[in-house]
C-alpha atoms as a PDB file:
ATOM      1  CA  MET A   1     -45.183  77.601 139.628  1.00  0.00           C
ATOM      2  CA  TYR A   2     -41.779  76.364 138.476  1.00  0.00           C
ATOM      3  CA  ASP A   3     -38.820  75.863 140.746  1.00  0.00           C
ATOM      4  CA  ILE A   4     -36.550  77.665 138.272  1.00  0.00           C
ATOM      5  CA  VAL A   5     -37.174  79.761 135.179  1.00  0.00           C
ATOM      6  CA  ILE A   6     -34.102  80.070 132.989  1.00  0.00           C
ATOM      7  CA  VAL A   7     -34.019  83.024 130.604  1.00  0.00           C
ATOM      8  CA  GLY A   8     -31.922  82.030 127.614  1.00  0.00           C
ATOM      9  CA  CYS A   9     -31.296  78.706 125.885  1.00  0.00           C
ATOM     10  CA  GLY A  10     -27.612  79.043 125.122  1.00  0.00           C
ATOM     11  CA  THR A  11     -24.789  76.930 126.526  1.00  0.00           C
ATOM     12  CA  ALA A  12     -24.995  78.483 130.012  1.00  0.00           C
ATOM     13  CA  GLY A  13     -28.771  78.225 130.203  1.00  0.00           C
ATOM     14  CA  MET A  14     -28.905  74.621 129.021  1.00  0.00           C
ATOM     15  CA  THR A  15     -26.109  73.552 131.371  1.00  0.00           C
ATOM     16  CA  ALA A  16     -27.977  75.163 134.265  1.00  0.00           C
ATOM     17  CA  ALA A  17     -31.110  73.291 133.215  1.00  0.00           C
ATOM     18  CA  ILE A  18     -29.286  69.941 133.169  1.00  0.00           C
ATOM     19  CA  TYR A  19     -27.981  70.412 136.711  1.00  0.00           C
ATOM     20  CA  ALA A  20     -31.318  71.643 138.023  1.00  0.00           C
ATOM     21  CA  LEU A  21     -33.293  68.810 136.420  1.00  0.00           C
ATOM     22  CA  ARG A  22     -30.896  66.173 137.728  1.00  0.00           C
ATOM     23  CA  ASN A  23     -31.609  67.589 141.184  1.00  0.00           C
ATOM     24  CA  ASN A  24     -35.359  67.095 140.732  1.00  0.00           C
ATOM     25  CA  LYS A  25     -36.231  70.746 140.145  1.00  0.00           C
ATOM     26  CA  SER A  26     -38.903  71.773 137.678  1.00  0.00           C
ATOM     27  CA  VAL A  27     -37.478  73.985 134.952  1.00  0.00           C
ATOM     28  CA  LEU A  28     -38.889  76.286 132.293  1.00  0.00           C
ATOM     29  CA  ILE A  29     -36.506  77.664 129.665  1.00  0.00           C
ATOM     30  CA  LEU A  30     -37.517  80.811 127.800  1.00  0.00           C
ATOM     31  CA  GLU A  31     -35.762  81.760 124.569  1.00  0.00           C
ATOM     32  CA  SER A  32     -36.560  84.609 122.182  1.00  0.00           C
ATOM     33  CA  GLU A  33     -34.533  83.567 119.139  1.00  0.00           C
ATOM     34  CA  ALA A  34     -32.583  80.381 118.433  1.00  0.00           C
ATOM     35  CA  VAL A  35     -31.568  77.470 120.629  1.00  0.00           C
ATOM     36  CA  GLY A  36     -27.835  77.450 121.356  1.00  0.00           C
ATOM     37  CA  GLY A  37     -27.132  81.172 121.397  1.00  0.00           C
ATOM     38  CA  GLN A  38     -24.085  82.503 119.575  1.00  0.00           C
ATOM     39  CA  ILE A  39     -22.280  79.155 119.474  1.00  0.00           C
ATOM     40  CA  ALA A  40     -25.045  77.734 117.263  1.00  0.00           C
ATOM     41  CA  PHE A  41     -23.741  79.920 114.424  1.00  0.00           C
ATOM     42  CA  SER A  42     -20.116  78.861 114.794  1.00  0.00           C
ATOM     43  CA  PRO A  43     -19.011  76.801 111.767  1.00  0.00           C
ATOM     44  CA  LYS A  44     -16.622  74.690 113.795  1.00  0.00           C
ATOM     45  CA  VAL A  45     -16.020  74.087 117.514  1.00  0.00           C
ATOM     46  CA  GLU A  46     -12.682  72.510 118.410  1.00  0.00           C
ATOM     47  CA  ASN A  47     -12.134  73.673 122.005  1.00  0.00           C
ATOM     48  CA  PHE A  48     -14.898  71.785 123.794  1.00  0.00           C
ATOM     49  CA  PRO A  49     -13.976  68.593 125.701  1.00  0.00           C
ATOM     50  CA  THR A  50     -15.271  65.291 124.197  1.00  0.00           C
ATOM     51  CA  TYR A  51     -15.453  66.569 120.612  1.00  0.00           C
ATOM     52  CA  LYS A  52     -12.351  66.936 118.481  1.00  0.00           C
ATOM     53  CA  SER A  53     -14.388  68.930 115.992  1.00  0.00           C
ATOM     54  CA  ILE A  54     -18.119  69.644 115.768  1.00  0.00           C
ATOM     55  CA  SER A  55     -20.273  72.383 114.324  1.00  0.00           C
ATOM     56  CA  GLY A  56     -21.842  74.798 116.784  1.00  0.00           C
ATOM     57  CA  GLU A  57     -25.289  73.881 115.498  1.00  0.00           C
ATOM     58  CA  ASP A  58     -24.769  70.163 116.102  1.00  0.00           C
ATOM     59  CA  LEU A  59     -23.374  70.782 119.571  1.00  0.00           C
ATOM     60  CA  SER A  60     -26.305  73.025 120.470  1.00  0.00           C
ATOM     61  CA  ASN A  61     -28.819  70.476 119.210  1.00  0.00           C
ATOM     62  CA  LYS A  62     -27.214  67.722 121.281  1.00  0.00           C
ATOM     63  CA  MET A  63     -27.426  69.883 124.406  1.00  0.00           C
ATOM     64  CA  PHE A  64     -31.044  70.764 123.690  1.00  0.00           C
ATOM     65  CA  GLU A  65     -32.014  67.110 123.174  1.00  0.00           C
ATOM     66  CA  GLN A  66     -30.436  66.234 126.513  1.00  0.00           C
ATOM     67  CA  VAL A  67     -32.317  69.029 128.275  1.00  0.00           C
ATOM     68  CA  LEU A  68     -35.664  67.966 126.818  1.00  0.00           C
ATOM     69  CA  ASP A  69     -35.016  64.292 127.626  1.00  0.00           C
ATOM     70  CA  LEU A  70     -34.472  65.290 131.257  1.00  0.00           C
ATOM     71  CA  GLY A  71     -37.909  66.918 131.339  1.00  0.00           C
ATOM     72  CA  ALA A  72     -37.387  70.629 130.841  1.00  0.00           C
ATOM     73  CA  GLN A  73     -40.252  72.755 129.582  1.00  0.00           C
ATOM     74  CA  PHE A  74     -39.384  75.120 126.735  1.00  0.00           C
ATOM     75  CA  GLU A  75     -41.159  78.129 125.281  1.00  0.00           C
ATOM     76  CA  LEU A  76     -40.120  80.424 122.447  1.00  0.00           C
ATOM     77  CA  GLU A  77     -41.012  83.741 124.076  1.00  0.00           C
ATOM     78  CA  THR A  78     -39.314  87.102 124.549  1.00  0.00           C
ATOM     79  CA  VAL A  79     -38.849  88.055 128.195  1.00  0.00           C
ATOM     80  CA  LEU A  80     -39.841  91.658 128.805  1.00  0.00           C
ATOM     81  CA  SER A  81     -39.265  91.940 132.551  1.00  0.00           C
ATOM     82  CA  VAL A  82     -38.696  90.076 135.803  1.00  0.00           C
ATOM     83  CA  GLU A  83     -40.265  91.140 139.082  1.00  0.00           C
ATOM     84  CA  LYS A  84     -40.059  89.765 142.604  1.00  0.00           C
ATOM     85  CA  ARG A  85     -43.238  89.604 144.634  1.00  0.00           C
ATOM     86  CA  ALA A  86     -43.570  90.260 148.350  1.00  0.00           C
ATOM     87  CA  ASP A  87     -43.854  86.515 148.985  1.00  0.00           C
ATOM     88  CA  GLY A  88     -40.437  85.937 147.391  1.00  0.00           C
ATOM     89  CA  ALA A  89     -41.680  84.408 144.129  1.00  0.00           C
ATOM     90  CA  PHE A  90     -40.641  85.798 140.761  1.00  0.00           C
ATOM     91  CA  VAL A  91     -42.958  86.849 137.951  1.00  0.00           C
ATOM     92  CA  VAL A  92     -41.393  86.593 134.487  1.00  0.00           C
ATOM     93  CA  LYS A  93     -43.374  88.567 131.921  1.00  0.00           C
ATOM     94  CA  THR A  94     -42.993  87.750 128.232  1.00  0.00           C
ATOM     95  CA  ASP A  95     -44.585  88.909 125.015  1.00  0.00           C
ATOM     96  CA  VAL A  96     -46.962  85.957 125.308  1.00  0.00           C
ATOM     97  CA  ALA A  97     -47.609  85.146 128.962  1.00  0.00           C
ATOM     98  CA  GLU A  98     -46.551  85.418 132.595  1.00  0.00           C
ATOM     99  CA  HIS A  99     -44.649  82.682 134.397  1.00  0.00           C
ATOM    100  CA  THR A 100     -43.929  82.324 138.110  1.00  0.00           C
ATOM    101  CA  ALA A 101     -40.936  80.694 139.719  1.00  0.00           C
ATOM    102  CA  ARG A 102     -39.216  80.333 143.058  1.00  0.00           C
ATOM    103  CA  ALA A 103     -35.847  81.214 141.461  1.00  0.00           C
ATOM    104  CA  VAL A 104     -34.627  82.686 138.179  1.00  0.00           C
ATOM    105  CA  ILE A 105     -31.387  82.261 136.251  1.00  0.00           C
ATOM    106  CA  LEU A 106     -30.548  84.925 133.652  1.00  0.00           C
ATOM    107  CA  ALA A 107     -28.506  83.429 130.818  1.00  0.00           C
ATOM    108  CA  THR A 108     -29.341  85.808 127.996  1.00  0.00           C
ATOM    109  CA  GLY A 109     -25.844  85.980 126.529  1.00  0.00           C
ATOM    110  CA  ALA A 110     -24.968  88.856 124.247  1.00  0.00           C
ATOM    111  CA  LYS A 111     -25.861  89.967 120.734  1.00  0.00           C
ATOM    112  CA  GLN A 112     -23.731  90.929 117.780  1.00  0.00           C
ATOM    113  CA  LYS A 113     -22.422  94.480 118.000  1.00  0.00           C
ATOM    114  CA  HIS A 114     -23.257  96.880 115.181  1.00  0.00           C
ATOM    115  CA  ILE A 115     -20.741  99.360 113.810  1.00  0.00           C
ATOM    116  CA  GLY A 116     -23.186 102.246 113.970  1.00  0.00           C
ATOM    117  CA  ILE A 117     -22.427 103.883 110.626  1.00  0.00           C
ATOM    118  CA  ALA A 118     -24.615 105.268 107.857  1.00  0.00           C
ATOM    119  CA  ASN A 119     -26.673 102.778 105.843  1.00  0.00           C
ATOM    120  CA  GLU A 120     -25.932  99.893 108.234  1.00  0.00           C
ATOM    121  CA  ASP A 121     -29.556  99.311 109.190  1.00  0.00           C
ATOM    122  CA  LYS A 122     -30.816 100.257 105.733  1.00  0.00           C
ATOM    123  CA  LEU A 123     -28.678  97.584 104.057  1.00  0.00           C
ATOM    124  CA  LEU A 124     -29.179  94.909 106.703  1.00  0.00           C
ATOM    125  CA  GLY A 125     -29.924  91.711 104.826  1.00  0.00           C
ATOM    126  CA  LYS A 126     -29.114  93.468 101.548  1.00  0.00           C
ATOM    127  CA  GLY A 127     -25.368  93.034 101.688  1.00  0.00           C
ATOM    128  CA  VAL A 128     -24.712  93.715 105.366  1.00  0.00           C
ATOM    129  CA  TYR A 129     -24.708  90.608 107.581  1.00  0.00           C
ATOM    130  CA  TYR A 130     -23.596  89.437 111.017  1.00  0.00           C
ATOM    131  CA  CYS A 131     -23.526  85.673 110.501  1.00  0.00           C
ATOM    132  CA  ALA A 132     -21.243  84.155 107.876  1.00  0.00           C
ATOM    133  CA  ILE A 133     -22.562  80.631 108.378  1.00  0.00           C
ATOM    134  CA  CYS A 134     -26.134  81.867 107.869  1.00  0.00           C
ATOM    135  CA  ASP A 135     -25.652  84.069 104.809  1.00  0.00           C
ATOM    136  CA  GLY A 136     -22.245  83.307 103.330  1.00  0.00           C
ATOM    137  CA  ALA A 137     -23.597  80.764 100.873  1.00  0.00           C
ATOM    138  CA  PHE A 138     -25.521  83.512  99.058  1.00  0.00           C
ATOM    139  CA  TYR A 139     -22.176  84.861  97.840  1.00  0.00           C
ATOM    140  CA  LYS A 140     -20.574  81.669  96.608  1.00  0.00           C
ATOM    141  CA  GLY A 141     -18.019  82.427  93.917  1.00  0.00           C
ATOM    142  CA  LYS A 142     -17.938  86.152  94.710  1.00  0.00           C
ATOM    143  CA  GLU A 143     -15.637  88.525  96.573  1.00  0.00           C
ATOM    144  CA  VAL A 144     -16.773  89.633 100.036  1.00  0.00           C
ATOM    145  CA  ALA A 145     -15.477  91.667 102.959  1.00  0.00           C
ATOM    146  CA  LEU A 146     -15.338  90.879 106.654  1.00  0.00           C
ATOM    147  CA  ILE A 147     -14.810  93.326 109.519  1.00  0.00           C
ATOM    148  CA  GLY A 148     -13.252  92.072 112.764  1.00  0.00           C
ATOM    149  CA  ASP A 149     -10.117  90.655 114.332  1.00  0.00           C
ATOM    150  CA  GLY A 150     -11.205  88.163 117.018  1.00  0.00           C
ATOM    151  CA  ASN A 151     -11.904  84.418 117.036  1.00  0.00           C
ATOM    152  CA  THR A 152     -15.391  84.776 115.594  1.00  0.00           C
ATOM    153  CA  ALA A 153     -14.109  87.010 112.806  1.00  0.00           C
ATOM    154  CA  MET A 154     -11.292  84.611 111.970  1.00  0.00           C
ATOM    155  CA  GLN A 155     -13.593  81.577 111.965  1.00  0.00           C
ATOM    156  CA  SER A 156     -15.995  83.432 109.710  1.00  0.00           C
ATOM    157  CA  ALA A 157     -13.208  84.454 107.324  1.00  0.00           C
ATOM    158  CA  ILE A 158     -11.992  80.862 107.101  1.00  0.00           C
ATOM    159  CA  LEU A 159     -15.515  79.639 106.374  1.00  0.00           C
ATOM    160  CA  LEU A 160     -16.086  82.307 103.706  1.00  0.00           C
ATOM    161  CA  SER A 161     -12.742  81.536 102.054  1.00  0.00           C
ATOM    162  CA  SER A 162     -14.022  78.041 101.216  1.00  0.00           C
ATOM    163  CA  ILE A 163     -16.952  79.378  99.175  1.00  0.00           C
ATOM    164  CA  CYS A 164     -15.915  82.875  98.049  1.00  0.00           C
ATOM    165  CA  THR A 165     -13.196  83.773  95.564  1.00  0.00           C
ATOM    166  CA  LYS A 166     -11.727  86.401  97.908  1.00  0.00           C
ATOM    167  CA  VAL A 167     -12.307  87.515 101.467  1.00  0.00           C
ATOM    168  CA  TYR A 168     -11.056  91.011 102.328  1.00  0.00           C
ATOM    169  CA  MET A 169     -10.524  91.015 106.090  1.00  0.00           C
ATOM    170  CA  LEU A 170     -10.460  94.544 107.496  1.00  0.00           C
ATOM    171  CA  THR A 171      -8.972  94.930 110.978  1.00  0.00           C
ATOM    172  CA  TRP A 172      -8.611  97.985 113.204  1.00  0.00           C
ATOM    173  CA  PHE A 173      -5.115  96.988 114.355  1.00  0.00           C
ATOM    174  CA  ASP A 174      -2.231  95.163 112.699  1.00  0.00           C
ATOM    175  CA  LYS A 175      -2.728  91.992 114.747  1.00  0.00           C
ATOM    176  CA  PHE A 176      -5.429  89.480 115.629  1.00  0.00           C
ATOM    177  CA  PHE A 177      -6.956  88.789 119.024  1.00  0.00           C
ATOM    178  CA  GLY A 178      -7.649  85.085 119.238  1.00  0.00           C
ATOM    179  CA  ASP A 179      -6.315  81.554 118.958  1.00  0.00           C
ATOM    180  CA  GLU A 180      -2.971  81.171 117.225  1.00  0.00           C
ATOM    181  CA  SER A 181      -4.324  78.213 115.254  1.00  0.00           C
ATOM    182  CA  HIS A 182      -6.842  80.517 113.603  1.00  0.00           C
ATOM    183  CA  VAL A 183      -4.185  83.162 112.940  1.00  0.00           C
ATOM    184  CA  THR A 184      -1.969  80.579 111.248  1.00  0.00           C
ATOM    185  CA  THR A 185      -4.827  79.412 109.054  1.00  0.00           C
ATOM    186  CA  ILE A 186      -5.660  82.997 108.081  1.00  0.00           C
ATOM    187  CA  ARG A 187      -2.046  83.706 107.147  1.00  0.00           C
ATOM    188  CA  ASN A 188      -1.813  80.515 105.077  1.00  0.00           C
ATOM    189  CA  THR A 189      -5.065  80.943 103.162  1.00  0.00           C
ATOM    190  CA  GLU A 190      -4.300  82.632  99.864  1.00  0.00           C
ATOM    191  CA  ASN A 191      -7.732  84.071  99.156  1.00  0.00           C
ATOM    192  CA  ILE A 192      -8.017  85.781 102.547  1.00  0.00           C
ATOM    193  CA  ILE A 193      -6.626  89.287 102.051  1.00  0.00           C
ATOM    194  CA  VAL A 194      -5.891  90.924 105.404  1.00  0.00           C
ATOM    195  CA  MET A 195      -6.166  94.727 105.382  1.00  0.00           C
ATOM    196  CA  PRO A 196      -4.858  95.948 108.763  1.00  0.00           C
ATOM    197  CA  ASN A 197      -5.111  99.425 110.307  1.00  0.00           C
ATOM    198  CA  THR A 198      -8.334 100.209 108.485  1.00  0.00           C
ATOM    199  CA  ASN A 199     -11.584 101.807 109.552  1.00  0.00           C
ATOM    200  CA  VAL A 200     -14.832 101.318 107.621  1.00  0.00           C
ATOM    201  CA  VAL A 201     -16.720 104.625 107.775  1.00  0.00           C
ATOM    202  CA  ASP A 202     -19.644 104.003 105.425  1.00  0.00           C
ATOM    203  CA  PHE A 203     -21.588 101.359 103.535  1.00  0.00           C
ATOM    204  CA  ILE A 204     -22.289 102.406  99.967  1.00  0.00           C
ATOM    205  CA  GLY A 205     -25.518 101.469  98.186  1.00  0.00           C
ATOM    206  CA  ASP A 206     -29.249 102.106  98.048  1.00  0.00           C
ATOM    207  CA  ASP A 207     -31.142  98.862  97.465  1.00  0.00           C
ATOM    208  CA  GLY A 208     -28.070  96.707  97.957  1.00  0.00           C
ATOM    209  CA  LEU A 209     -24.470  96.992  99.108  1.00  0.00           C
ATOM    210  CA  GLN A 210     -22.084  98.165  96.421  1.00  0.00           C
ATOM    211  CA  GLY A 211     -18.979  98.776  98.480  1.00  0.00           C
ATOM    212  CA  LEU A 212     -17.296 100.036 101.627  1.00  0.00           C
ATOM    213  CA  LYS A 213     -15.750 103.428 102.242  1.00  0.00           C
ATOM    214  CA  VAL A 214     -12.526 102.733 104.107  1.00  0.00           C
ATOM    215  CA  VAL A 215     -10.016 105.018 105.823  1.00  0.00           C
ATOM    216  CA  ARG A 216      -6.414 103.947 106.388  1.00  0.00           C
ATOM    217  CA  ARG A 217      -5.561 104.723 109.995  1.00  0.00           C
ATOM    218  CA  ASP A 218      -1.841 105.256 109.379  1.00  0.00           C
ATOM    219  CA  ASP A 219      -2.096 108.093 106.858  1.00  0.00           C
ATOM    220  CA  GLY A 220      -5.811 109.005 106.782  1.00  0.00           C
ATOM    221  CA  SER A 221      -6.227 108.222 103.095  1.00  0.00           C
ATOM    222  CA  GLU A 222      -9.541 106.864 101.822  1.00  0.00           C
ATOM    223  CA  PHE A 223     -10.509 104.213  99.284  1.00  0.00           C
ATOM    224  CA  ILE A 224     -13.591 102.321  98.136  1.00  0.00           C
ATOM    225  CA  LEU A 225     -13.650  98.543  98.415  1.00  0.00           C
ATOM    226  CA  SER A 226     -16.224  97.288  95.910  1.00  0.00           C
ATOM    227  CA  VAL A 227     -17.952  94.163  97.258  1.00  0.00           C
ATOM    228  CA  PRO A 228     -21.565  92.945  97.237  1.00  0.00           C
ATOM    229  CA  ALA A 229     -21.468  91.761 100.851  1.00  0.00           C
ATOM    230  CA  VAL A 230     -19.801  92.502 104.167  1.00  0.00           C
ATOM    231  CA  PHE A 231     -19.888  90.379 107.311  1.00  0.00           C
ATOM    232  CA  VAL A 232     -19.505  92.257 110.591  1.00  0.00           C
ATOM    233  CA  ALA A 233     -17.868  90.390 113.490  1.00  0.00           C
ATOM    234  CA  ILE A 234     -16.681  93.017 115.973  1.00  0.00           C
ATOM    235  CA  GLY A 235     -17.930  91.638 119.255  1.00  0.00           C
ATOM    236  CA  GLN A 236     -21.064  91.449 121.312  1.00  0.00           C
ATOM    237  CA  VAL A 237     -23.253  93.559 123.577  1.00  0.00           C
ATOM    238  CA  PRO A 238     -25.606  92.382 126.352  1.00  0.00           C
ATOM    239  CA  ASP A 239     -29.292  93.250 126.651  1.00  0.00           C
ATOM    240  CA  ASN A 240     -29.810  93.674 130.374  1.00  0.00           C
ATOM    241  CA  LYS A 241     -31.665  96.972 130.847  1.00  0.00           C
ATOM    242  CA  ARG A 242     -34.938  95.075 131.262  1.00  0.00           C
ATOM    243  CA  PHE A 243     -33.507  93.500 134.441  1.00  0.00           C
ATOM    244  CA  SER A 244     -32.059  96.682 135.949  1.00  0.00           C
ATOM    245  CA  ASN A 245     -34.737  96.777 138.659  1.00  0.00           C
ATOM    246  CA  LEU A 246     -33.262  93.624 140.214  1.00  0.00           C
ATOM    247  CA  VAL A 247     -29.571  93.528 139.260  1.00  0.00           C
ATOM    248  CA  GLU A 248     -26.506  95.735 139.278  1.00  0.00           C
ATOM    249  CA  ILE A 249     -25.135  96.479 135.808  1.00  0.00           C
ATOM    250  CA  ASP A 250     -21.630  97.698 134.938  1.00  0.00           C
ATOM    251  CA  LYS A 251     -20.766 100.489 132.481  1.00  0.00           C
ATOM    252  CA  ASP A 252     -20.755  98.048 129.556  1.00  0.00           C
ATOM    253  CA  GLY A 253     -24.171  96.630 130.375  1.00  0.00           C
ATOM    254  CA  TYR A 254     -23.082  93.347 131.939  1.00  0.00           C
ATOM    255  CA  ILE A 255     -24.686  92.003 135.119  1.00  0.00           C
ATOM    256  CA  ILE A 256     -22.489  92.022 138.207  1.00  0.00           C
ATOM    257  CA  ALA A 257     -22.543  88.845 140.324  1.00  0.00           C
ATOM    258  CA  ASP A 258     -20.296  87.014 142.772  1.00  0.00           C
ATOM    259  CA  ASP A 259     -18.400  83.761 142.152  1.00  0.00           C
ATOM    260  CA  SER A 260     -21.524  81.790 143.025  1.00  0.00           C
ATOM    261  CA  MET A 261     -23.457  83.611 140.277  1.00  0.00           C
ATOM    262  CA  ARG A 262     -25.629  85.373 142.855  1.00  0.00           C
ATOM    263  CA  THR A 263     -26.919  88.842 142.015  1.00  0.00           C
ATOM    264  CA  ILE A 264     -27.976  91.527 144.503  1.00  0.00           C
ATOM    265  CA  THR A 265     -31.496  90.036 144.515  1.00  0.00           C
ATOM    266  CA  GLU A 266     -31.899  86.866 146.548  1.00  0.00           C
ATOM    267  CA  GLY A 267     -33.062  84.008 144.365  1.00  0.00           C
ATOM    268  CA  LEU A 268     -31.911  85.648 141.133  1.00  0.00           C
ATOM    269  CA  PHE A 269     -28.796  84.236 139.498  1.00  0.00           C
ATOM    270  CA  VAL A 270     -26.847  84.882 136.310  1.00  0.00           C
ATOM    271  CA  ALA A 271     -24.680  82.751 134.021  1.00  0.00           C
ATOM    272  CA  GLY A 272     -22.697  83.028 130.798  1.00  0.00           C
ATOM    273  CA  ASP A 273     -21.730  85.916 128.560  1.00  0.00           C
ATOM    274  CA  THR A 274     -24.387  88.230 129.965  1.00  0.00           C
ATOM    275  CA  ARG A 275     -22.464  88.638 133.229  1.00  0.00           C
ATOM    276  CA  GLN A 276     -19.378  90.704 134.015  1.00  0.00           C
ATOM    277  CA  LYS A 277     -16.357  88.448 133.504  1.00  0.00           C
ATOM    278  CA  THR A 278     -12.904  88.382 131.955  1.00  0.00           C
ATOM    279  CA  ILE A 279     -13.135  85.301 129.740  1.00  0.00           C
ATOM    280  CA  ARG A 280     -16.142  84.511 127.541  1.00  0.00           C
ATOM    281  CA  GLN A 281     -15.778  81.048 126.096  1.00  0.00           C
ATOM    282  CA  LEU A 282     -17.973  78.001 125.548  1.00  0.00           C
ATOM    283  CA  THR A 283     -16.378  76.181 128.471  1.00  0.00           C
ATOM    284  CA  THR A 284     -16.698  79.138 130.852  1.00  0.00           C
ATOM    285  CA  ALA A 285     -20.385  79.349 129.945  1.00  0.00           C
ATOM    286  CA  THR A 286     -20.889  75.726 130.966  1.00  0.00           C
ATOM    287  CA  GLY A 287     -19.054  76.396 134.223  1.00  0.00           C
ATOM    288  CA  ASP A 288     -21.236  79.414 134.931  1.00  0.00           C
ATOM    289  CA  GLY A 289     -24.373  77.406 134.193  1.00  0.00           C
ATOM    290  CA  ALA A 290     -23.386  74.623 136.557  1.00  0.00           C
ATOM    291  CA  ILE A 291     -22.519  77.034 139.368  1.00  0.00           C
ATOM    292  CA  ALA A 292     -25.682  79.103 138.894  1.00  0.00           C
ATOM    293  CA  ALA A 293     -27.837  75.986 139.010  1.00  0.00           C
ATOM    294  CA  MET A 294     -26.173  74.607 142.137  1.00  0.00           C
ATOM    295  CA  SER A 295     -26.480  77.993 143.835  1.00  0.00           C
ATOM    296  CA  ALA A 296     -30.163  78.147 142.884  1.00  0.00           C
ATOM    297  CA  ILE A 297     -30.689  74.603 144.169  1.00  0.00           C
ATOM    298  CA  SER A 298     -29.052  75.513 147.477  1.00  0.00           C
ATOM    299  CA  TYR A 299     -31.282  78.567 147.720  1.00  0.00           C
ATOM    300  CA  LEU A 300     -34.417  76.541 147.010  1.00  0.00           C
ATOM    301  CA  ASN A 301     -33.505  73.788 149.448  1.00  0.00           C
ATOM    302  CA  LYS A 302     -33.322  76.298 152.275  1.00  0.00           C
END
């Protein structure tokens, strides 16, 4: 039995592991996809103390190395459910095995939100993508589109502009929602074409993307934007239904917890983007991870 099982190996989960391990607790981290979470796909991180500029992948790898050096156990498994036994221990069931722990920290983050329009799933990987850093290089020297208006969307557009001839950036409103430094860069990059007040209603193509059907929100007119690829960056959604037997979830699917990261189940804590909060940033994820770990340690020491 482990002292703490941490579900998720993103920034929050790894920070929690560091604090727990430094307090002599045994830790198992379970991750279903990639180490680092969403930040691992960020082309450039410039708002994290100690690094003036670093790629999200490099930052994630440094965190992971530190966690392993401290003695954490790690398994690439998908968590299906968490149950609490009568004796107070937790059973974490995955697609591979069952693990027991005295405390659990949920740090599952959130996943990229889909638009939910026709052909989106059909053309996934065939012109429709959600990670510019992963798939942008396939369209070097070509024109592409990007949907979104937040920090992730702006970072992705800037990255794509360095390898693509044009980046058509379609936004729902006529303004951006993110750091002013990114906005300034977008405005000053000639091959980023901002198309505000637009709504993409369909992806056109059978075996591959041929274009986007777009509606102008101001006058309702339609046009076709012919591009071989579109990158969707419209936000994230959590995946917390599998924990609903032990936690309270808000209308948007986020786990509700107090300032100490405690959920309604004693011994079960939450950290990072998967919880209900106002600000979701790399630094707030580290703060959540530290608090969740210290709260779990206090619980275990009782």
